C-alpha cells in the first residue's frame, strides 16, 4: 500500500515540474479562454422530441431562410397622457421605417417594419382602422408599437443593428419631452443579458476578488502568502475557460455561465486557500520546518479540501442531467471550474510553498518592518491553552453536549417549519426580469410597456398550420378549424 509519506516525497521531487506544468497550461490556455467568452449563447432551445422542438423543426422545413428569426420592438409613448395617434407618431413611424429598411451595414438583415401608420394607405375604413388599432395601439391610446422583423438573432450583425437603432432613436425629436421612444423586445433583451454578463465579470474583478482577498489577508496576516491565491485564481480561470471552449462549440453554453464560473472559482479558491494557508502558518508558528509544515498542511487541511470539493463537484454534475442543453452546460461548467480549483490548490499551492518556503514563511502585514514580520513561535501547550479559551472552542463545547444538541436541533426545525409550509404554495415563474439586468435599457422600456400592453404583444405564440393529404391550405375546412381553435383558446385560457 502506498503511504502518504511516499507520495509526498515523490511530490517534493517533482515540485518544480508541477509549477512549470501549471504555468505553461495557463499560458497555452489564454487564447482559447478568450475564444470561449465569445462562443457562448443566450438562446434557450427546447428539449429534443418536445412539441416546441417539433414545431421549430417544421417551421424550418417549410419556411427555410424565409423564417423570421427575431423581432425588434420600438415603443412610442406619450408622456402627457395625450393620444399617441398624432402627426408626431406618423412622422416618427415613417422615420423608423426609412432608418431600418435603409440599414446597409448588413444587407438583408431587416425584412419588414410594421406599425399603425405603415400598413398601406389609411382609406378611412373604420373596420380596417379598428383592426390595426387593436394590434398596434394600447387600450388607453397613450402608446403604440412598431415591429422590425430580422433574419438573424444573437449574431454580431443583429447586435450591431440594435446598437444602431438605439443610437438613432436617441437623436429623434421628442417634441420637447412630450413623447418617448424606446427599443426593446426579445432580441434587445438578449443583447442586454450578454452585456450584463460582461459587466458582472468586470465587477467581480474590480470588487469581489479584492474584497475576498482583503478578508483572507486579515485572517492569514501574511502578505507573501496572498500571492498564492491570486496566482491560483488566474490559472484556474484560464484553464477552465479553455477546457470549456470546445464544449461550447459542440453544446449550447449560456452567456451567464461565464459569471457563474468566475463566482465559483473566486469563492472556492479563497475558501481552499484559507484552509490550506492558515494551516501552513499554524504549523510554521509551532516551529516545524517548511517541509514538515507543508506535509501536515496537505495531510490535514488537504483532506478537507478534497472531500468537500469532491462532494460539491458531484452535486453540480447532477445539473448535467437536465434535458435542456443550456442548463446541463451550466452544471458541467460549474463542476469543471470547481475541479480545476481543487487540482490547482492541492498541487500548485504546496509546490510553491516547498520551492519558496523561506519567502512564504515571512508573516506580517507590512513587508519592510521586521517587527511585523514574524511573531514569536508558540509552544504546543501555549497553543492549546489559547484555543481552549477562544470563543469558538467554548461555543463548540457548549453546543456539543447532549442536552443542548437536542434543544438546538428542535429550535432549528421549529424555525424552518413555516418556510417548509410555504413550499406547498411554490409556483414556477417565467418573469423576464429574473434574467434581464434590472437597469438595462430593454428592461426599463419593458416595465413601461407592461403598463400599456399585455406581454403577449412582444412574446406571441406562433401556430404552424400544415395541410395533410394533399389538401389545399386555404380552404373552408382550414378556416373552420382555425376559427374553432381560436375560440377554444379564448374560452379556456385565463389572462
Protein backbone atom coordinates (compact mmCIF):
# COMPACT_ATOMS: atom_id res chain seq x y z
CA UNK A 1 0.00 0.00 0.00
CA UNK A 2 1.36 3.44 -0.96
CA UNK A 3 1.67 5.62 2.12
CA UNK A 4 1.15 9.37 2.25
CA UNK A 5 4.81 9.86 3.17
CA UNK A 6 5.96 8.14 -0.03
CA UNK A 7 3.53 10.16 -2.15
CA UNK A 8 4.64 13.41 -0.57
CA UNK A 9 8.33 12.59 -1.06
CA UNK A 10 7.65 11.91 -4.73
CA UNK A 11 5.69 15.15 -4.99
CA UNK A 12 8.59 17.05 -3.41
CA UNK A 13 10.98 15.78 -6.08
CA UNK A 14 8.72 16.97 -8.92
CA UNK A 15 7.58 20.24 -7.32
CA UNK A 16 9.32 22.35 -9.99
CA UNK A 17 7.70 20.27 -12.72
CA UNK A 18 4.27 20.86 -11.15
CA UNK A 19 4.81 24.63 -11.14
CA UNK A 20 6.07 24.58 -14.72
CA UNK A 21 3.13 22.48 -15.93
CA UNK A 22 0.50 24.80 -14.44
CA UNK A 23 2.21 27.96 -15.64
CA UNK A 24 2.60 26.51 -19.14
CA UNK A 25 -1.02 25.31 -19.12
CA UNK A 26 -2.21 28.80 -18.18
CA UNK A 27 -0.16 30.46 -20.91
CA UNK A 28 -1.34 27.99 -23.56
CA UNK A 29 -4.94 28.37 -22.39
CA UNK A 30 -5.07 32.17 -22.64
CA UNK A 31 -6.10 32.28 -26.32
CA UNK A 32 -8.78 29.59 -26.01
CA UNK A 33 -10.12 31.18 -22.80
CA UNK A 34 -10.75 34.41 -24.70
CA UNK A 35 -12.38 32.47 -27.53
CA UNK A 36 -14.72 30.77 -25.06
CA UNK A 37 -16.03 34.15 -23.92
CA UNK A 38 -17.37 34.78 -27.43
CA UNK A 39 -18.58 31.21 -28.05
CA UNK A 40 -21.44 31.29 -25.53
CA UNK A 41 -25.10 31.90 -26.32
CA UNK A 42 -28.22 33.18 -24.63
CA UNK A 43 -30.66 31.21 -26.76
CA UNK A 44 -32.86 28.70 -24.96
CA UNK A 45 -33.73 25.72 -27.15
CA UNK A 46 -36.50 23.31 -26.16
CA UNK A 47 -35.65 19.70 -25.23
CA UNK A 48 -35.43 17.25 -28.10
CA UNK A 49 -38.69 15.49 -29.09
CA UNK A 50 -40.74 18.12 -27.23
CA UNK A 51 -43.71 19.74 -29.01
CA UNK A 52 -41.84 23.06 -29.25
CA UNK A 53 -38.82 21.35 -30.82
CA UNK A 54 -41.04 19.60 -33.36
CA UNK A 55 -42.69 22.92 -34.21
CA UNK A 56 -39.34 24.64 -34.72
CA UNK A 57 -38.19 21.83 -37.00
CA UNK A 58 -41.38 22.00 -39.05
CA UNK A 59 -41.09 25.79 -39.40
CA UNK A 60 -37.53 25.48 -40.65
CA UNK A 61 -38.59 22.73 -43.06
CA UNK A 62 -41.41 24.71 -44.64
CA UNK A 63 -40.03 28.25 -44.48
CA UNK A 64 -36.24 27.77 -44.51
CA UNK A 65 -34.35 31.04 -44.82
CA UNK A 66 -37.64 32.96 -45.05
CA UNK A 67 -38.45 32.22 -41.43
CA UNK A 68 -38.21 35.34 -39.27
CA UNK A 69 -35.51 34.69 -36.66
CA UNK A 70 -36.11 37.68 -34.42
CA UNK A 71 -38.03 40.86 -33.89
CA UNK A 72 -37.09 44.26 -32.53
CA UNK A 73 -39.82 46.28 -30.83
CA UNK A 74 -39.94 50.08 -30.73
CA UNK A 75 -42.19 51.55 -28.06
CA UNK A 76 -43.61 55.01 -28.68
CA UNK A 77 -45.49 56.60 -25.80
CA UNK A 78 -46.96 59.92 -24.75
CA UNK A 79 -45.58 61.43 -21.54
CA UNK A 80 -48.58 63.76 -21.18
CA UNK A 81 -51.29 61.06 -21.42
CA UNK A 82 -52.40 62.51 -24.74
CA UNK A 83 -53.36 60.35 -27.72
CA UNK A 84 -50.43 58.67 -29.45
CA UNK A 85 -52.30 58.80 -32.77
CA UNK A 86 -50.95 62.15 -33.90
CA UNK A 87 -48.71 63.77 -36.51
CA UNK A 88 -45.57 63.13 -34.41
CA UNK A 89 -46.24 59.37 -34.35
CA UNK A 90 -46.90 59.32 -38.09
CA UNK A 91 -43.65 61.17 -38.84
CA UNK A 92 -41.62 59.08 -36.39
CA UNK A 93 -43.08 55.82 -37.74
CA UNK A 94 -42.02 56.71 -41.27
CA UNK A 95 -38.59 57.76 -39.97
CA UNK A 96 -38.18 54.42 -38.18
CA UNK A 97 -39.21 52.57 -41.34
CA UNK A 98 -36.76 54.51 -43.52
CA UNK A 99 -33.94 54.09 -40.99
CA UNK A 100 -34.44 50.35 -40.54
CA UNK A 101 -35.05 49.47 -44.18
CA UNK A 102 -32.13 51.69 -45.23
CA UNK A 103 -29.68 49.99 -42.86
CA UNK A 104 -26.92 48.90 -45.23
CA UNK A 105 -24.16 47.72 -42.90
CA UNK A 106 -25.57 44.18 -43.05
CA UNK A 107 -27.64 43.74 -46.19
CA UNK A 108 -30.79 41.62 -45.88
CA UNK A 109 -30.89 41.76 -42.08
CA UNK A 110 -34.14 43.75 -41.88
CA UNK A 111 -37.13 42.06 -43.50
CA UNK A 112 -40.04 44.36 -42.71
CA UNK A 113 -41.27 47.12 -40.42
CA UNK A 114 -44.86 47.06 -39.17
CA UNK A 115 -46.78 49.81 -37.42
CA UNK A 116 -50.13 51.58 -37.29
CA UNK A 117 -49.07 54.18 -39.86
CA UNK A 118 -47.09 51.77 -42.04
CA UNK A 119 -49.66 49.19 -43.22
CA UNK A 120 -50.88 50.62 -46.52
CA UNK A 121 -53.00 53.67 -47.10
CA UNK A 122 -55.49 54.79 -44.49
CA UNK A 123 -58.67 54.79 -46.52
CA UNK A 124 -60.81 55.70 -43.58
CA UNK A 125 -62.44 52.28 -43.47
CA UNK A 126 -63.47 52.00 -39.78
CA UNK A 127 -63.14 48.20 -39.79
CA UNK A 128 -59.54 48.32 -41.05
CA UNK A 129 -58.61 51.15 -38.69
CA UNK A 130 -60.12 49.35 -35.70
CA UNK A 131 -58.27 46.12 -36.51
CA UNK A 132 -54.97 47.96 -36.91
CA UNK A 133 -55.55 49.88 -33.68
CA UNK A 134 -56.13 46.69 -31.68
CA UNK A 135 -52.83 45.29 -32.94
CA UNK A 136 -50.55 48.31 -32.61
CA UNK A 137 -52.13 50.78 -30.17
CA UNK A 138 -52.58 50.33 -26.42
CA UNK A 139 -56.12 50.26 -24.98
CA UNK A 140 -55.50 53.62 -23.29
CA UNK A 141 -54.40 55.16 -26.59
CA UNK A 142 -51.22 56.54 -25.00
CA UNK A 143 -48.70 54.18 -26.64
CA UNK A 144 -48.05 52.28 -29.84
CA UNK A 145 -45.66 49.57 -31.01
CA UNK A 146 -43.58 49.14 -34.14
CA UNK A 147 -42.17 45.71 -35.04
CA UNK A 148 -38.96 45.27 -37.03
CA UNK A 149 -38.57 41.74 -38.37
CA UNK A 150 -35.00 40.45 -38.76
CA UNK A 151 -33.44 37.37 -40.30
CA UNK A 152 -30.77 36.99 -37.59
CA UNK A 153 -30.71 36.68 -33.84
CA UNK A 154 -27.83 36.58 -31.34
CA UNK A 155 -25.29 37.38 -34.04
CA UNK A 156 -22.90 40.34 -34.33
CA UNK A 157 -24.99 41.83 -37.20
CA UNK A 158 -28.15 41.68 -35.06
CA UNK A 159 -26.40 43.27 -32.08
CA UNK A 160 -24.89 45.96 -34.33
CA UNK A 161 -28.37 46.80 -35.59
CA UNK A 162 -29.78 47.04 -32.04
CA UNK A 163 -27.00 49.44 -31.06
CA UNK A 164 -27.58 51.42 -34.24
CA UNK A 165 -31.33 51.79 -33.65
CA UNK A 166 -30.79 52.86 -30.04
CA UNK A 167 -28.30 55.49 -31.12
CA UNK A 168 -30.63 56.76 -33.82
CA UNK A 169 -33.73 56.83 -31.60
CA UNK A 170 -31.90 58.96 -29.04
CA UNK A 171 -31.40 61.63 -31.72
CA UNK A 172 -35.00 61.80 -32.92
CA UNK A 173 -37.23 64.71 -31.95
CA UNK A 174 -39.44 64.00 -28.94
CA UNK A 175 -41.44 67.24 -29.12
CA UNK A 176 -39.76 68.77 -26.11
CA UNK A 177 -40.13 65.69 -23.92
CA UNK A 178 -43.80 65.13 -24.67
CA UNK A 179 -43.07 61.72 -26.22
CA UNK A 180 -40.68 58.82 -25.57
CA UNK A 181 -39.05 56.29 -27.90
CA UNK A 182 -37.59 53.04 -26.59
CA UNK A 183 -36.07 49.92 -28.13
CA UNK A 184 -36.95 46.59 -26.52
CA UNK A 185 -38.14 43.13 -27.49
CA UNK A 186 -36.65 39.66 -27.25
CA UNK A 187 -33.54 40.48 -29.27
CA UNK A 188 -32.81 43.65 -27.31
CA UNK A 189 -33.23 41.82 -24.01
CA UNK A 190 -30.87 39.04 -25.07
CA UNK A 191 -28.36 41.68 -26.11
CA UNK A 192 -28.63 43.34 -22.69
CA UNK A 193 -28.23 39.98 -20.94
CA UNK A 194 -24.97 39.40 -22.79
CA UNK A 195 -23.77 42.91 -21.97
CA UNK A 196 -24.81 42.40 -18.35
CA UNK A 197 -22.80 39.19 -18.09
CA UNK A 198 -19.69 41.04 -19.27
CA UNK A 199 -20.31 43.79 -16.73
CA UNK A 200 -20.80 41.20 -13.97
CA UNK A 201 -17.38 39.73 -14.72
CA UNK A 202 -15.82 43.20 -14.62
CA UNK A 203 -17.49 43.94 -11.28
CA UNK A 204 -16.17 40.67 -9.88
CA UNK A 205 -12.67 41.57 -10.99
CA UNK A 206 -12.92 45.08 -9.54
CA UNK A 207 -14.82 44.46 -6.30
CA UNK A 208 -15.47 40.83 -5.38
CA UNK A 209 -11.93 39.50 -5.75
CA UNK A 210 -10.17 42.38 -3.90
CA UNK A 211 -12.74 42.21 -1.11
CA UNK A 212 -12.31 38.44 -0.74
CA UNK A 213 -8.53 38.81 -0.74
CA UNK A 214 -8.78 41.51 1.93
CA UNK A 215 -10.75 39.16 4.19
CA UNK A 216 -8.19 36.42 3.55
CA UNK A 217 -5.38 38.86 4.35
CA UNK A 218 -6.97 39.74 7.69
CA UNK A 219 -7.14 36.05 8.58
CA UNK A 220 -3.69 34.99 7.37
CA UNK A 221 -1.85 38.18 8.38
CA UNK A 222 0.93 37.34 5.92
CA UNK A 223 1.38 39.37 2.74
CA UNK A 224 3.62 36.86 0.87
CA UNK A 225 1.01 34.12 1.23
CA UNK A 226 -1.52 36.36 -0.54
CA UNK A 227 0.34 35.91 -3.81
CA UNK A 228 -0.60 32.22 -3.99
CA UNK A 229 -4.43 32.59 -4.13
CA UNK A 230 -4.06 35.40 -6.68
CA UNK A 231 -1.99 33.18 -8.96
CA UNK A 232 -4.33 30.24 -8.31
CA UNK A 233 -7.38 32.22 -9.40
CA UNK A 234 -5.68 33.33 -12.62
CA UNK A 235 -4.51 29.83 -13.54
CA UNK A 236 -7.88 28.26 -12.75
CA UNK A 237 -9.82 30.81 -14.80
CA UNK A 238 -7.62 30.41 -17.87
CA UNK A 239 -7.51 26.60 -17.76
CA UNK A 240 -11.22 26.05 -17.01
CA UNK A 241 -12.32 28.59 -19.64
CA UNK A 242 -10.04 26.95 -22.22
CA UNK A 243 -11.45 23.47 -21.48
CA UNK A 244 -14.98 24.84 -21.87
CA UNK A 245 -14.22 26.32 -25.30
CA UNK A 246 -14.53 23.05 -27.31
CA UNK A 247 -17.58 22.16 -25.23
CA UNK A 248 -19.18 25.47 -26.23
CA UNK A 249 -18.58 24.65 -29.90
CA UNK A 250 -20.49 21.38 -29.58
CA UNK A 251 -23.04 22.39 -26.95
CA UNK A 252 -25.13 25.44 -26.10
CA UNK A 253 -23.39 27.21 -23.21
CA UNK A 254 -25.24 30.13 -21.63
CA UNK A 255 -23.57 33.54 -21.61
CA UNK A 256 -24.14 33.97 -17.87
CA UNK A 257 -22.17 30.74 -17.35
CA UNK A 258 -19.05 32.92 -17.54
CA UNK A 259 -20.11 34.92 -14.49
CA UNK A 260 -21.12 31.75 -12.66
CA UNK A 261 -17.73 30.12 -13.35
CA UNK A 262 -15.95 33.25 -12.14
CA UNK A 263 -18.01 33.21 -8.94
CA UNK A 264 -17.26 29.54 -8.26
CA UNK A 265 -13.55 29.94 -8.94
CA UNK A 266 -13.10 33.07 -6.80
CA UNK A 267 -15.21 31.79 -3.91
CA UNK A 268 -13.72 28.30 -3.72
CA UNK A 269 -10.13 29.43 -4.39
CA UNK A 270 -10.31 31.84 -1.47
CA UNK A 271 -12.02 29.21 0.68
CA UNK A 272 -9.47 26.48 -0.06
CA UNK A 273 -6.57 28.91 0.32
CA UNK A 274 -7.93 29.81 3.74
CA UNK A 275 -7.96 26.14 4.76
CA UNK A 276 -4.51 25.35 3.42
CA UNK A 277 -2.53 28.50 4.14
CA UNK A 278 -3.89 29.06 7.65
CA UNK A 279 -2.85 25.50 8.49
CA UNK A 280 0.57 26.12 6.93
CA UNK A 281 1.07 29.26 9.01
CA UNK A 282 -0.03 27.45 12.14
CA UNK A 283 2.47 24.65 11.56
CA UNK A 284 5.32 27.08 10.90
CA UNK A 285 4.49 29.06 14.05
CA UNK A 286 4.67 25.82 16.03
CA UNK A 287 8.32 25.56 15.00
CA UNK A 288 8.02 22.92 12.24
CA UNK A 289 10.39 23.08 9.31
CA UNK A 290 8.94 24.15 5.97
CA UNK A 291 8.91 20.59 4.57
CA UNK A 292 7.04 19.27 7.63
CA UNK A 293 4.65 22.23 7.67
CA UNK A 294 3.60 21.67 4.05
CA UNK A 295 3.30 17.95 4.65
CA UNK A 296 0.98 18.41 7.65
CA UNK A 297 -0.96 21.06 5.74
CA UNK A 298 -1.75 18.57 2.96
CA UNK A 299 -2.38 15.70 5.35
CA UNK A 300 -4.99 17.54 7.41
CA UNK A 301 -6.37 20.56 5.50
CA UNK A 302 -5.82 18.91 2.10
CA UNK A 303 -8.12 16.07 3.01
CA UNK A 304 -10.90 18.52 3.90
CA UNK A 305 -10.48 20.36 0.60
CA UNK A 306 -10.52 17.14 -1.43
CA UNK A 307 -13.55 15.68 0.36
CA UNK A 308 -15.75 18.78 0.41
CA UNK A 309 -14.75 19.76 -3.13
CA UNK A 310 -15.36 16.27 -4.46
CA UNK A 311 -18.85 16.09 -2.94
CA UNK A 312 -19.76 19.53 -4.31
CA UNK A 313 -18.42 18.63 -7.77
CA UNK A 314 -20.62 15.52 -7.91
CA UNK A 315 -23.64 17.58 -6.83
CA UNK A 316 -23.01 20.15 -9.56
CA UNK A 317 -22.72 17.39 -12.16
CA UNK A 318 -26.29 16.46 -11.24
CA UNK A 319 -27.43 19.56 -13.14
CA UNK A 320 -25.99 17.99 -16.30
CA UNK A 321 -28.90 15.53 -16.48
CA UNK A 322 -31.36 18.32 -17.33
CA UNK A 323 -32.87 17.81 -20.80
CA UNK A 324 -32.26 21.45 -21.70
CA UNK A 325 -28.70 21.77 -23.00
CA UNK A 326 -28.33 25.30 -21.64
CA UNK A 327 -28.99 24.11 -18.07
CA UNK A 328 -26.87 20.98 -18.50
CA UNK A 329 -23.91 23.02 -19.73
CA UNK A 330 -24.11 25.23 -16.65
CA UNK A 331 -23.76 22.16 -14.42
CA UNK A 332 -20.78 20.91 -16.41
CA UNK A 333 -19.14 24.34 -16.35
CA UNK A 334 -19.58 24.76 -12.59
CA UNK A 335 -18.29 21.24 -11.87
CA UNK A 336 -15.32 21.75 -14.19
CA UNK A 337 -14.46 25.08 -12.55
CA UNK A 338 -14.57 23.50 -9.11
CA UNK A 339 -12.49 20.51 -10.21
CA UNK A 340 -9.80 22.79 -11.66
CA UNK A 341 -9.86 24.83 -8.45
CA UNK A 342 -9.28 21.69 -6.35
CA UNK A 343 -6.43 20.45 -8.55
CA UNK A 344 -4.66 23.81 -8.59
CA UNK A 345 -4.95 24.30 -4.84
CA UNK A 346 -3.81 20.79 -3.97
CA UNK A 347 -0.84 20.78 -6.35
CA UNK A 348 0.31 24.29 -7.23
CA UNK A 349 -0.05 25.69 -3.69
CA UNK A 350 2.13 23.06 -1.94
CA UNK A 351 4.63 23.13 -4.81
CA UNK A 352 5.06 26.89 -4.37
CA UNK A 353 5.40 26.57 -0.60
CA UNK A 354 8.01 23.81 -0.93
CA UNK A 355 10.00 25.73 -3.54
CA UNK A 356 9.91 29.19 -1.96
CA UNK A 357 9.45 28.29 1.69
CA UNK A 358 11.77 30.97 3.07
CA UNK A 359 9.83 33.70 1.29
CA UNK A 360 6.34 32.45 2.16
CA UNK A 361 7.21 31.93 5.83
CA UNK A 362 7.56 35.71 6.28
CA UNK A 363 4.49 36.64 8.29
CA UNK A 364 3.09 40.11 8.89
CA UNK A 365 1.06 42.85 7.21
CA UNK A 366 3.96 45.20 6.41
CA UNK A 367 6.75 43.73 4.27
CA UNK A 368 9.62 46.01 5.31
CA UNK A 369 9.09 46.27 9.07
CA UNK A 370 10.84 43.48 10.93
CA UNK A 371 8.58 43.76 13.97
CA UNK A 372 5.58 42.99 11.80
CA UNK A 373 7.16 40.07 10.01
CA UNK A 374 7.14 37.24 12.48
CA UNK A 375 5.56 36.59 15.83
CA UNK A 376 7.38 34.58 18.48
CA UNK A 377 6.92 30.84 17.99
CA UNK A 378 4.31 29.44 20.36
CA UNK A 379 4.74 26.11 22.03
CA UNK A 380 2.15 23.37 21.65
CA UNK A 381 0.95 23.91 25.22
CA UNK A 382 0.57 27.64 24.67
CA UNK A 383 -1.42 26.97 21.51
CA UNK A 384 -3.74 24.51 23.27
CA UNK A 385 -4.28 26.94 26.15
CA UNK A 386 -5.12 29.72 23.73
CA UNK A 387 -7.53 27.56 21.74
CA UNK A 388 -9.39 26.26 24.78
CA UNK A 389 -10.13 29.82 25.88
CA UNK A 390 -11.33 31.01 22.48
CA UNK A 391 -14.94 31.86 21.74
CA UNK A 392 -15.28 29.12 19.11
CA UNK A 393 -13.92 26.41 21.40
CA UNK A 394 -16.32 27.40 24.18
CA UNK A 395 -19.25 27.53 21.73
CA UNK A 396 -18.41 24.06 20.37
CA UNK A 397 -18.05 22.63 23.89
CA UNK A 398 -21.39 24.14 24.88
CA UNK A 399 -23.37 23.02 21.82
CA UNK A 400 -21.88 19.50 21.67
CA UNK A 401 -23.48 18.37 24.94
CA UNK A 402 -26.44 16.01 24.52
CA UNK A 403 -28.92 18.34 26.19
CA UNK A 404 -28.10 21.43 24.18
CA UNK A 405 -27.66 19.49 20.93
CA UNK A 406 -31.27 18.31 21.16
CA UNK A 407 -32.51 21.80 22.07
CA UNK A 408 -30.63 23.37 19.13
CA UNK A 409 -31.96 20.77 16.66
CA UNK A 410 -35.54 21.33 17.80
CA UNK A 411 -35.12 25.12 17.65
CA UNK A 412 -33.77 24.96 14.08
CA UNK A 413 -36.61 22.68 12.97
CA UNK A 414 -39.22 24.97 14.52
CA UNK A 415 -37.64 27.98 12.85
CA UNK A 416 -37.63 26.27 9.42
CA UNK A 417 -41.14 24.78 9.69
CA UNK A 418 -43.03 27.91 8.49
CA UNK A 419 -40.77 28.15 5.46
CA UNK A 420 -41.35 24.47 4.72
CA UNK A 421 -45.11 25.05 4.70
CA UNK A 422 -44.64 27.77 2.08
CA UNK A 423 -43.18 25.18 -0.29
CA UNK A 424 -46.72 23.83 -0.72
CA UNK A 425 -47.60 27.13 -2.44
CA UNK A 426 -44.47 27.29 -4.56
CA UNK A 427 -45.14 28.28 -8.18
CA UNK A 428 -42.86 28.50 -11.20
CA UNK A 429 -42.25 31.91 -12.67
CA UNK A 430 -41.14 32.89 -16.16
CA UNK A 431 -40.78 36.57 -15.41
CA UNK A 432 -38.33 38.19 -17.81
CA UNK A 433 -36.93 40.43 -15.09
CA UNK A 434 -35.36 37.37 -13.43
CA UNK A 435 -32.74 37.12 -16.17
CA UNK A 436 -32.57 40.66 -17.57
CA UNK A 437 -30.33 43.21 -15.82
CA UNK A 438 -32.79 45.48 -13.98
CA UNK A 439 -31.04 48.68 -15.10
CA UNK A 440 -30.69 47.69 -18.76
CA UNK A 441 -32.43 49.81 -21.44
CA UNK A 442 -34.63 46.92 -22.57
CA UNK A 443 -35.80 46.22 -19.01
CA UNK A 444 -36.66 49.86 -18.33
CA UNK A 445 -38.70 50.10 -21.53
CA UNK A 446 -40.31 46.72 -20.79
CA UNK A 447 -41.54 47.99 -17.42
CA UNK A 448 -43.24 50.94 -19.09
CA UNK A 449 -44.58 48.78 -21.91
CA UNK A 450 -46.16 46.30 -19.49
CA UNK A 451 -48.46 49.04 -18.16
CA UNK A 452 -49.90 49.63 -21.63
CA UNK A 453 -49.74 46.26 -23.39
CA UNK A 454 -50.03 42.58 -22.45
CA UNK A 455 -46.72 40.74 -22.75
CA UNK A 456 -48.19 38.60 -25.49
CA UNK A 457 -47.68 41.54 -27.83
CA UNK A 458 -43.94 41.02 -27.87
CA UNK A 459 -43.98 37.31 -26.92
CA UNK A 460 -46.72 35.92 -29.17
CA UNK A 461 -47.27 32.20 -29.63
CA UNK A 462 -46.94 31.05 -33.22
CA UNK A 463 -49.22 28.39 -34.65
CA UNK A 464 -47.97 26.44 -37.68
CA UNK A 465 -50.81 25.02 -39.77
CA UNK A 466 -49.84 22.15 -42.12
CA UNK A 467 -52.21 20.75 -44.75
CA UNK A 468 -52.16 16.97 -44.80
CA UNK A 469 -53.10 14.50 -47.52
CA UNK A 470 -52.61 16.96 -50.37
CA UNK A 471 -55.48 19.16 -49.24
CA UNK A 472 -55.31 22.87 -50.07
CA UNK A 473 -54.40 25.02 -47.08
CA UNK A 474 -56.66 27.95 -47.87
CA UNK A 475 -59.98 26.10 -47.82
CA UNK A 476 -63.25 26.41 -45.87
CA UNK A 477 -62.19 23.42 -43.78
CA UNK A 478 -58.97 25.21 -42.79
CA UNK A 479 -60.75 28.41 -41.79
CA UNK A 480 -63.34 26.47 -39.78
CA UNK A 481 -60.58 24.59 -37.94
CA UNK A 482 -58.62 27.75 -37.14
CA UNK A 483 -61.78 29.53 -36.03
CA UNK A 484 -62.67 26.67 -33.68
CA UNK A 485 -59.15 26.57 -32.25
CA UNK A 486 -59.06 30.30 -31.59
CA UNK A 487 -62.48 30.13 -29.97
CA UNK A 488 -61.32 27.33 -27.65
CA UNK A 489 -58.21 29.32 -26.70
CA UNK A 490 -60.27 32.40 -25.98
CA UNK A 491 -62.72 30.46 -23.84
CA UNK A 492 -60.30 28.34 -21.84
CA UNK A 493 -57.13 30.44 -21.41
CA UNK A 494 -57.17 32.78 -18.43
CA UNK A 495 -55.43 36.13 -18.87
